[in-house]
C-alpha atoms as a PDB file:
ATOM      1  CA  MET A   1      11.032   2.806   4.625  1.00  0.00           C
ATOM      2  CA  ILE A   2       7.686   3.726   2.925  1.00  0.00           C
ATOM      3  CA  GLU A   3       8.698   1.522  -0.091  1.00  0.00           C
ATOM      4  CA  ILE A   4       9.824  -1.159   2.214  1.00  0.00           C
ATOM      5  CA  CYS A   5       6.423  -1.028   4.125  1.00  0.00           C
ATOM      6  CA  ASP A   6       4.473  -1.121   0.754  1.00  0.00           C
ATOM      7  CA  ASP A   7       6.530  -4.184  -0.396  1.00  0.00           C
ATOM      8  CA  ALA A   8       5.738  -5.925   2.920  1.00  0.00           C
ATOM      9  CA  ASP A   9       2.057  -5.522   2.219  1.00  0.00           C
ATOM     10  CA  LYS A  10       2.295  -7.081  -1.296  1.00  0.00           C
ATOM     11  CA  ILE A  11       3.449 -10.254  -0.121  1.00  0.00           C
ATOM     12  CA  SER A  12       2.001 -13.240   1.871  1.00  0.00           C
ATOM     13  CA  HIS A  13       2.621 -12.339   5.655  1.00  0.00           C
ATOM     14  CA  ALA A  14       1.418 -13.248   9.066  1.00  0.00           C
ATOM     15  CA  ALA A  15      -1.006 -11.025  10.625  1.00  0.00           C
ATOM     16  CA  PRO A  16       0.466  -7.970  12.776  1.00  0.00           C
ATOM     17  CA  LEU A  17       0.546  -8.310  16.598  1.00  0.00           C
ATOM     18  CA  ALA A  18      -2.451  -6.733  18.181  1.00  0.00           C
ATOM     19  CA  ASN A  19      -0.650  -3.774  19.771  1.00  0.00           C
ATOM     20  CA  PHE A  20       2.705  -1.905  18.922  1.00  0.00           C
ATOM     21  CA  SER A  21       3.710  -2.711  22.725  1.00  0.00           C
ATOM     22  CA  ASP A  22       3.284  -6.349  22.230  1.00  0.00           C
ATOM     23  CA  MET A  23       6.522  -6.227  20.326  1.00  0.00           C
ATOM     24  CA  LEU A  24       8.188  -5.603  23.809  1.00  0.00           C
ATOM     25  CA  ALA A  25       6.816  -8.974  25.111  1.00  0.00           C
ATOM     26  CA  GLU A  26       9.644 -10.814  27.141  1.00  0.00           C
ATOM     27  CA  LYS A  27       9.152 -13.645  24.658  1.00  0.00           C
ATOM     28  CA  TYR A  28      10.599 -11.432  21.945  1.00  0.00           C
ATOM     29  CA  LEU A  29      13.555  -9.818  23.666  1.00  0.00           C
ATOM     30  CA  TRP A  30      17.099 -11.033  23.302  1.00  0.00           C
ATOM     31  CA  PRO A  31      19.072 -11.741  26.638  1.00  0.00           C
ATOM     32  CA  GLN A  32      21.453  -8.978  27.926  1.00  0.00           C
ATOM     33  CA  SER A  33      24.500 -11.234  27.240  1.00  0.00           C
ATOM     34  CA  ASP A  34      25.475 -11.322  23.585  1.00  0.00           C
ATOM     35  CA  GLU A  35      27.429 -14.572  24.163  1.00  0.00           C
ATOM     36  CA  ASN A  36      26.364 -17.241  21.844  1.00  0.00           C
ATOM     37  CA  ASP A  37      23.897 -14.552  19.850  1.00  0.00           C
ATOM     38  CA  GLU A  38      24.744 -16.299  16.570  1.00  0.00           C
ATOM     39  CA  GLU A  39      23.365 -19.548  17.884  1.00  0.00           C
ATOM     40  CA  LEU A  40      20.393 -17.788  19.207  1.00  0.00           C
ATOM     41  CA  TRP A  41      19.682 -16.214  15.877  1.00  0.00           C
ATOM     42  CA  GLU A  42      19.912 -19.470  14.129  1.00  0.00           C
ATOM     43  CA  GLU A  43      17.576 -21.118  16.755  1.00  0.00           C
ATOM     44  CA  HIS A  44      15.091 -18.354  17.440  1.00  0.00           C
ATOM     45  CA  PHE A  45      14.704 -16.483  14.304  1.00  0.00           C
ATOM     46  CA  TYR A  46      12.046 -13.716  14.562  1.00  0.00           C
ATOM     47  CA  ASP A  47       8.523 -14.787  14.852  1.00  0.00           C
ATOM     48  CA  ASP A  48       6.477 -14.101  11.718  1.00  0.00           C
ATOM     49  CA  GLU A  49       4.110 -11.893  13.551  1.00  0.00           C
ATOM     50  CA  LEU A  50       6.878 -10.001  15.212  1.00  0.00           C
ATOM     51  CA  PHE A  51       8.722  -9.716  11.898  1.00  0.00           C
ATOM     52  CA  TYR A  52       5.676  -8.222   9.881  1.00  0.00           C
ATOM     53  CA  SER A  53       4.640  -6.031  12.890  1.00  0.00           C
ATOM     54  CA  LEU A  54       7.736  -4.114  12.570  1.00  0.00           C
ATOM     55  CA  TYR A  55       6.659  -3.105   9.019  1.00  0.00           C
ATOM     56  CA  PHE A  56       3.177  -2.665   9.870  1.00  0.00           C
ATOM     57  CA  TYR A  57       3.712  -0.387  12.813  1.00  0.00           C
ATOM     58  CA  SER A  58       6.462   1.532  10.885  1.00  0.00           C
ATOM     59  CA  ARG A  59       3.787   2.299   8.274  1.00  0.00           C
ATOM     60  CA  ALA A  60       1.504   3.334  10.875  1.00  0.00           C
ATOM     61  CA  VAL A  61       3.865   5.848  12.257  1.00  0.00           C
ATOM     62  CA  LEU A  62       4.533   7.173   8.794  1.00  0.00           C
ATOM     63  CA  ASP A  63       0.950   7.519   8.067  1.00  0.00           C
ATOM     64  CA  ALA A  64       0.249   9.277  11.448  1.00  0.00           C
ATOM     65  CA  THR A  65       2.660  12.100  10.346  1.00  0.00           C
ATOM     66  CA  GLY A  66       0.358  13.168   7.765  1.00  0.00           C
ATOM     67  CA  VAL A  67       3.091  13.805   5.142  1.00  0.00           C
ATOM     68  CA  ASP A  68       2.319  12.672   1.628  1.00  0.00           C
ATOM     69  CA  PHE A  69       5.057  10.453   0.929  1.00  0.00           C
ATOM     70  CA  ALA A  70       3.936   9.971  -2.813  1.00  0.00           C
ATOM     71  CA  GLN A  71       6.053  13.249  -3.556  1.00  0.00           C
ATOM     72  CA  PHE A  72       9.323  11.566  -2.601  1.00  0.00           C
ATOM     73  CA  LYS A  73       8.931   8.499  -4.655  1.00  0.00           C
ATOM     74  CA  PRO A  74      11.570   8.139  -7.379  1.00  0.00           C
ATOM     75  CA  GLY A  75      10.102   8.618 -10.805  1.00  0.00           C
ATOM     76  CA  LEU A  76      11.393   9.124 -14.364  1.00  0.00           C
ATOM     77  CA  GLY A  77      14.225  11.375 -14.298  1.00  0.00           C
ATOM     78  CA  ARG A  78      14.469  11.534 -10.590  1.00  0.00           C
ATOM     79  CA  ARG A  79      17.562  10.016  -8.862  1.00  0.00           C
ATOM     80  CA  PHE A  80      18.210   9.618  -5.036  1.00  0.00           C
END
């Protein structure tokens, strides 16, 4: 996940939502019924801010752990 978050920061992206909790705004939530969910997906793909916020706030949570994730990055001779 840390690599994905790093990659997300390397490309052009929208600004993240102001708060983590903003990702739960009603306009971003899907209806409880899953009927026609494929049509909804095509019509209402994720908002750019919401999409980037997933990575932005995931990175914030990972950073808050205090763990040095650099030690887990694959290097020469290491395979995961």
